[in-house]
Amino acid sequence: MPTIYITAPPEEGPAIAETLVEDELAACVNIVDCRSVYRWDGEIHDDDELILLAKTTDERYPDLKTRVVELHPYDVPCIERFEEADALDSFAQWRADAT
């Protein structure tokens, strides 16, 4: 089951996380403060962002990705899927039940 890595501006991240859980697209979303340095439109940016780690299932991932694109304020949001090598069975079952 995948964990989805999403970055978002601090003022938008919590609402995106809450919507994903409310819509049962993610069982849980961890929110972590971070600072991102990146190139956009030929300029270097240095911004505060949030990392959203969304726990979802293979079945719910396509809808989660679509929903993030709808909600996200960036033209090109960072949405990356990471496959789990191993998870506690009871956690994997909870995630499946919650999505």
N, C-alpha and C. Protein backbone atom coordinates (compact mmCIF):
# COMPACT_ATOMS: atom_id res chain seq x y z
N MET A 1 0.84 -1.19 0.00
CA MET A 1 0.00 0.00 0.00
C MET A 1 0.88 1.24 0.00
N PRO A 2 0.49 2.23 -0.74
CA PRO A 2 1.37 3.39 -0.92
C PRO A 2 1.23 4.47 0.15
N THR A 3 2.32 5.20 0.29
CA THR A 3 2.33 6.47 1.01
C THR A 3 2.60 7.53 -0.05
N ILE A 4 1.83 8.60 -0.02
CA ILE A 4 1.93 9.64 -1.02
C ILE A 4 2.58 10.87 -0.39
N TYR A 5 3.63 11.35 -1.02
CA TYR A 5 4.40 12.52 -0.59
C TYR A 5 3.89 13.72 -1.37
N ILE A 6 3.39 14.71 -0.66
CA ILE A 6 2.83 15.92 -1.25
C ILE A 6 3.44 17.11 -0.53
N THR A 7 3.84 18.13 -1.27
CA THR A 7 4.24 19.37 -0.62
C THR A 7 3.17 20.42 -0.89
N ALA A 8 3.01 21.33 0.08
CA ALA A 8 1.98 22.36 -0.04
C ALA A 8 2.38 23.58 0.77
N PRO A 9 1.84 24.75 0.43
CA PRO A 9 2.11 25.93 1.24
C PRO A 9 1.46 25.79 2.61
N PRO A 10 2.06 26.39 3.64
CA PRO A 10 1.55 26.24 5.00
C PRO A 10 0.08 26.64 5.17
N GLU A 11 -0.36 27.61 4.41
CA GLU A 11 -1.74 28.06 4.56
C GLU A 11 -2.76 27.15 3.88
N GLU A 12 -2.31 26.24 3.02
CA GLU A 12 -3.22 25.34 2.30
C GLU A 12 -3.12 23.88 2.73
N GLY A 13 -1.96 23.47 3.23
CA GLY A 13 -1.71 22.07 3.54
C GLY A 13 -2.71 21.42 4.49
N PRO A 14 -3.03 22.06 5.63
CA PRO A 14 -3.96 21.41 6.55
C PRO A 14 -5.34 21.15 5.93
N ALA A 15 -5.82 22.06 5.11
CA ALA A 15 -7.14 21.86 4.48
C ALA A 15 -7.09 20.72 3.47
N ILE A 16 -5.99 20.61 2.73
CA ILE A 16 -5.84 19.50 1.79
C ILE A 16 -5.83 18.18 2.57
N ALA A 17 -5.05 18.12 3.65
CA ALA A 17 -4.97 16.91 4.46
C ALA A 17 -6.34 16.52 5.01
N GLU A 18 -7.05 17.48 5.56
CA GLU A 18 -8.36 17.19 6.14
C GLU A 18 -9.34 16.70 5.08
N THR A 19 -9.32 17.30 3.92
CA THR A 19 -10.22 16.87 2.85
C THR A 19 -9.93 15.44 2.42
N LEU A 20 -8.66 15.10 2.31
CA LEU A 20 -8.31 13.73 1.91
C LEU A 20 -8.82 12.70 2.90
N VAL A 21 -8.74 13.03 4.18
CA VAL A 21 -9.25 12.11 5.21
C VAL A 21 -10.79 12.11 5.22
N GLU A 22 -11.39 13.29 5.14
CA GLU A 22 -12.86 13.37 5.12
C GLU A 22 -13.45 12.60 3.94
N ASP A 23 -12.81 12.70 2.78
CA ASP A 23 -13.30 12.02 1.58
C ASP A 23 -12.90 10.55 1.52
N GLU A 24 -12.27 10.05 2.58
CA GLU A 24 -11.81 8.66 2.68
C GLU A 24 -10.87 8.28 1.55
N LEU A 25 -10.07 9.25 1.11
CA LEU A 25 -9.03 8.99 0.13
C LEU A 25 -7.72 8.65 0.81
N ALA A 26 -7.58 9.05 2.07
CA ALA A 26 -6.43 8.72 2.90
C ALA A 26 -6.93 8.35 4.28
N ALA A 27 -6.29 7.36 4.88
CA ALA A 27 -6.66 6.98 6.25
C ALA A 27 -6.08 7.98 7.24
N CYS A 28 -4.93 8.56 6.88
CA CYS A 28 -4.21 9.47 7.76
C CYS A 28 -3.30 10.32 6.89
N VAL A 29 -3.09 11.57 7.30
CA VAL A 29 -2.11 12.42 6.63
C VAL A 29 -1.24 13.06 7.71
N ASN A 30 0.05 12.76 7.67
CA ASN A 30 1.00 13.42 8.57
C ASN A 30 1.42 14.73 7.94
N ILE A 31 1.54 15.76 8.76
CA ILE A 31 1.94 17.09 8.29
C ILE A 31 3.26 17.45 8.95
N VAL A 32 4.27 17.74 8.13
CA VAL A 32 5.60 18.03 8.61
C VAL A 32 6.07 19.37 8.02
N ASP A 33 6.55 20.26 8.88
CA ASP A 33 7.11 21.53 8.40
C ASP A 33 8.40 21.27 7.63
N CYS A 34 8.61 22.03 6.56
CA CYS A 34 9.88 21.94 5.84
C CYS A 34 10.17 23.26 5.14
N ARG A 35 11.37 23.36 4.65
CA ARG A 35 11.80 24.50 3.85
C ARG A 35 12.27 23.94 2.52
N SER A 36 11.77 24.49 1.44
CA SER A 36 12.10 24.00 0.11
C SER A 36 12.85 25.05 -0.69
N VAL A 37 13.92 24.63 -1.34
CA VAL A 37 14.68 25.47 -2.25
C VAL A 37 14.53 24.83 -3.62
N TYR A 38 14.05 25.60 -4.58
CA TYR A 38 13.74 25.03 -5.90
C TYR A 38 13.80 26.11 -6.98
N ARG A 39 13.90 25.66 -8.22
CA ARG A 39 13.90 26.57 -9.36
C ARG A 39 12.50 26.57 -9.97
N TRP A 40 11.97 27.77 -10.21
CA TRP A 40 10.67 27.91 -10.87
C TRP A 40 10.72 29.16 -11.73
N ASP A 41 10.34 29.02 -12.98
CA ASP A 41 10.35 30.13 -13.94
C ASP A 41 11.72 30.81 -13.99
N GLY A 42 12.79 30.01 -13.94
CA GLY A 42 14.13 30.54 -14.08
C GLY A 42 14.71 31.21 -12.85
N GLU A 43 13.96 31.19 -11.74
CA GLU A 43 14.44 31.82 -10.50
C GLU A 43 14.53 30.77 -9.39
N ILE A 44 15.46 31.01 -8.47
CA ILE A 44 15.59 30.16 -7.29
C ILE A 44 14.67 30.70 -6.20
N HIS A 45 13.87 29.81 -5.64
CA HIS A 45 12.94 30.16 -4.56
C HIS A 45 13.36 29.44 -3.29
N ASP A 46 13.09 30.03 -2.17
CA ASP A 46 13.36 29.45 -0.85
C ASP A 46 12.12 29.73 -0.01
N ASP A 47 11.28 28.69 0.17
CA ASP A 47 9.97 28.89 0.79
C ASP A 47 9.71 27.89 1.91
N ASP A 48 8.92 28.32 2.88
CA ASP A 48 8.38 27.40 3.86
C ASP A 48 7.27 26.61 3.19
N GLU A 49 7.25 25.31 3.45
CA GLU A 49 6.20 24.45 2.92
C GLU A 49 5.84 23.42 3.99
N LEU A 50 4.83 22.64 3.69
CA LEU A 50 4.47 21.48 4.50
C LEU A 50 4.63 20.24 3.65
N ILE A 51 5.11 19.18 4.27
CA ILE A 51 5.10 17.86 3.65
C ILE A 51 3.86 17.15 4.16
N LEU A 52 3.05 16.65 3.26
CA LEU A 52 1.89 15.84 3.60
C LEU A 52 2.22 14.40 3.22
N LEU A 53 2.17 13.50 4.19
CA LEU A 53 2.39 12.08 3.94
C LEU A 53 1.05 11.38 4.09
N ALA A 54 0.44 11.07 2.97
CA ALA A 54 -0.91 10.50 2.96
C ALA A 54 -0.83 8.98 2.85
N LYS A 55 -1.46 8.30 3.80
CA LYS A 55 -1.52 6.84 3.78
C LYS A 55 -2.79 6.44 3.07
N THR A 56 -2.65 5.71 1.97
CA THR A 56 -3.81 5.33 1.17
C THR A 56 -3.66 3.90 0.67
N THR A 57 -4.53 3.50 -0.22
CA THR A 57 -4.49 2.16 -0.81
C THR A 57 -4.29 2.30 -2.32
N ASP A 58 -3.93 1.19 -2.95
CA ASP A 58 -3.78 1.19 -4.40
C ASP A 58 -5.08 1.63 -5.09
N GLU A 59 -6.20 1.17 -4.57
CA GLU A 59 -7.49 1.47 -5.17
C GLU A 59 -7.85 2.96 -5.06
N ARG A 60 -7.49 3.59 -3.95
CA ARG A 60 -7.88 4.99 -3.72
C ARG A 60 -6.89 5.99 -4.27
N TYR A 61 -5.67 5.53 -4.62
CA TYR A 61 -4.64 6.46 -5.08
C TYR A 61 -5.05 7.32 -6.28
N PRO A 62 -5.63 6.76 -7.35
CA PRO A 62 -5.99 7.62 -8.48
C PRO A 62 -6.93 8.77 -8.09
N ASP A 63 -7.92 8.48 -7.26
CA ASP A 63 -8.85 9.52 -6.82
C ASP A 63 -8.17 10.53 -5.90
N LEU A 64 -7.25 10.05 -5.05
CA LEU A 64 -6.50 10.95 -4.18
C LEU A 64 -5.70 11.93 -5.03
N LYS A 65 -4.99 11.41 -6.02
CA LYS A 65 -4.16 12.26 -6.88
C LYS A 65 -5.03 13.31 -7.59
N THR A 66 -6.16 12.90 -8.13
CA THR A 66 -7.07 13.82 -8.80
C THR A 66 -7.54 14.91 -7.85
N ARG A 67 -7.89 14.51 -6.63
CA ARG A 67 -8.40 15.47 -5.64
C ARG A 67 -7.33 16.47 -5.23
N VAL A 68 -6.10 16.01 -5.03
CA VAL A 68 -5.02 16.92 -4.68
C VAL A 68 -4.82 17.96 -5.79
N VAL A 69 -4.82 17.52 -7.03
CA VAL A 69 -4.67 18.46 -8.15
C VAL A 69 -5.79 19.49 -8.13
N GLU A 70 -7.02 19.07 -7.83
CA GLU A 70 -8.16 20.00 -7.76
C GLU A 70 -7.99 21.02 -6.65
N LEU A 71 -7.48 20.60 -5.50
CA LEU A 71 -7.40 21.45 -4.32
C LEU A 71 -6.14 22.30 -4.27
N HIS A 72 -5.08 21.86 -4.90
CA HIS A 72 -3.76 22.44 -4.70
C HIS A 72 -3.61 23.78 -5.42
N PRO A 73 -2.99 24.77 -4.76
CA PRO A 73 -2.84 26.08 -5.40
C PRO A 73 -1.70 26.16 -6.41
N TYR A 74 -0.77 25.19 -6.41
CA TYR A 74 0.37 25.25 -7.34
C TYR A 74 -0.05 24.79 -8.73
N ASP A 75 0.58 25.36 -9.75
CA ASP A 75 0.36 24.91 -11.13
C ASP A 75 0.87 23.48 -11.32
N VAL A 76 1.96 23.16 -10.63
CA VAL A 76 2.57 21.83 -10.73
C VAL A 76 2.83 21.31 -9.32
N PRO A 77 1.82 20.72 -8.70
CA PRO A 77 2.03 20.22 -7.33
C PRO A 77 2.93 18.99 -7.31
N CYS A 78 3.69 18.87 -6.23
CA CYS A 78 4.51 17.68 -6.01
C CYS A 78 3.61 16.59 -5.43
N ILE A 79 3.42 15.52 -6.19
CA ILE A 79 2.66 14.36 -5.74
C ILE A 79 3.49 13.15 -6.15
N GLU A 80 4.10 12.49 -5.17
CA GLU A 80 4.95 11.34 -5.46
C GLU A 80 4.46 10.13 -4.65
N ARG A 81 4.41 9.00 -5.32
CA ARG A 81 3.94 7.77 -4.69
C ARG A 81 5.13 6.90 -4.29
N PHE A 82 5.14 6.48 -3.03
CA PHE A 82 6.16 5.57 -2.53
C PHE A 82 5.49 4.27 -2.11
N GLU A 83 6.03 3.18 -2.58
CA GLU A 83 5.51 1.87 -2.21
C GLU A 83 6.16 1.41 -0.91
N GLU A 84 5.36 0.85 -0.05
CA GLU A 84 5.88 0.31 1.20
C GLU A 84 6.54 -1.03 0.96
N ALA A 85 7.67 -1.22 1.57
CA ALA A 85 8.31 -2.53 1.52
C ALA A 85 7.67 -3.46 2.54
N ASP A 86 7.26 -2.88 3.67
CA ASP A 86 6.69 -3.69 4.74
C ASP A 86 5.90 -2.77 5.66
N ALA A 87 4.81 -3.28 6.20
CA ALA A 87 4.01 -2.52 7.17
C ALA A 87 3.46 -3.50 8.20
N LEU A 88 3.27 -3.00 9.39
CA LEU A 88 2.63 -3.79 10.43
C LEU A 88 1.26 -4.23 9.91
N ASP A 89 0.93 -5.51 10.01
CA ASP A 89 -0.33 -6.02 9.47
C ASP A 89 -1.55 -5.27 9.99
N SER A 90 -1.56 -4.98 11.29
CA SER A 90 -2.72 -4.30 11.86
C SER A 90 -2.83 -2.87 11.34
N PHE A 91 -1.69 -2.21 11.06
CA PHE A 91 -1.73 -0.86 10.48
C PHE A 91 -2.25 -0.93 9.05
N ALA A 92 -1.76 -1.88 8.27
CA ALA A 92 -2.22 -2.04 6.89
C ALA A 92 -3.71 -2.31 6.84
N GLN A 93 -4.21 -3.11 7.78
CA GLN A 93 -5.65 -3.41 7.81
C GLN A 93 -6.45 -2.16 8.19
N TRP A 94 -5.98 -1.40 9.17
CA TRP A 94 -6.65 -0.15 9.56
C TRP A 94 -6.72 0.80 8.37
N ARG A 95 -5.60 0.95 7.65
CA ARG A 95 -5.57 1.87 6.50
C ARG A 95 -6.59 1.41 5.46
N ALA A 96 -6.64 0.12 5.18
CA ALA A 96 -7.60 -0.39 4.20
C ALA A 96 -9.04 -0.15 4.65
N ASP A 97 -9.30 -0.33 5.93
CA ASP A 97 -10.65 -0.13 6.46
C ASP A 97 -11.07 1.33 6.44
N ALA A 98 -10.10 2.24 6.56
CA ALA A 98 -10.41 3.67 6.69
C ALA A 98 -10.53 4.37 5.33
N THR A 99 -10.19 3.67 4.26
CA THR A 99 -10.24 4.33 2.94
C THR A 99 -11.25 3.67 2.03
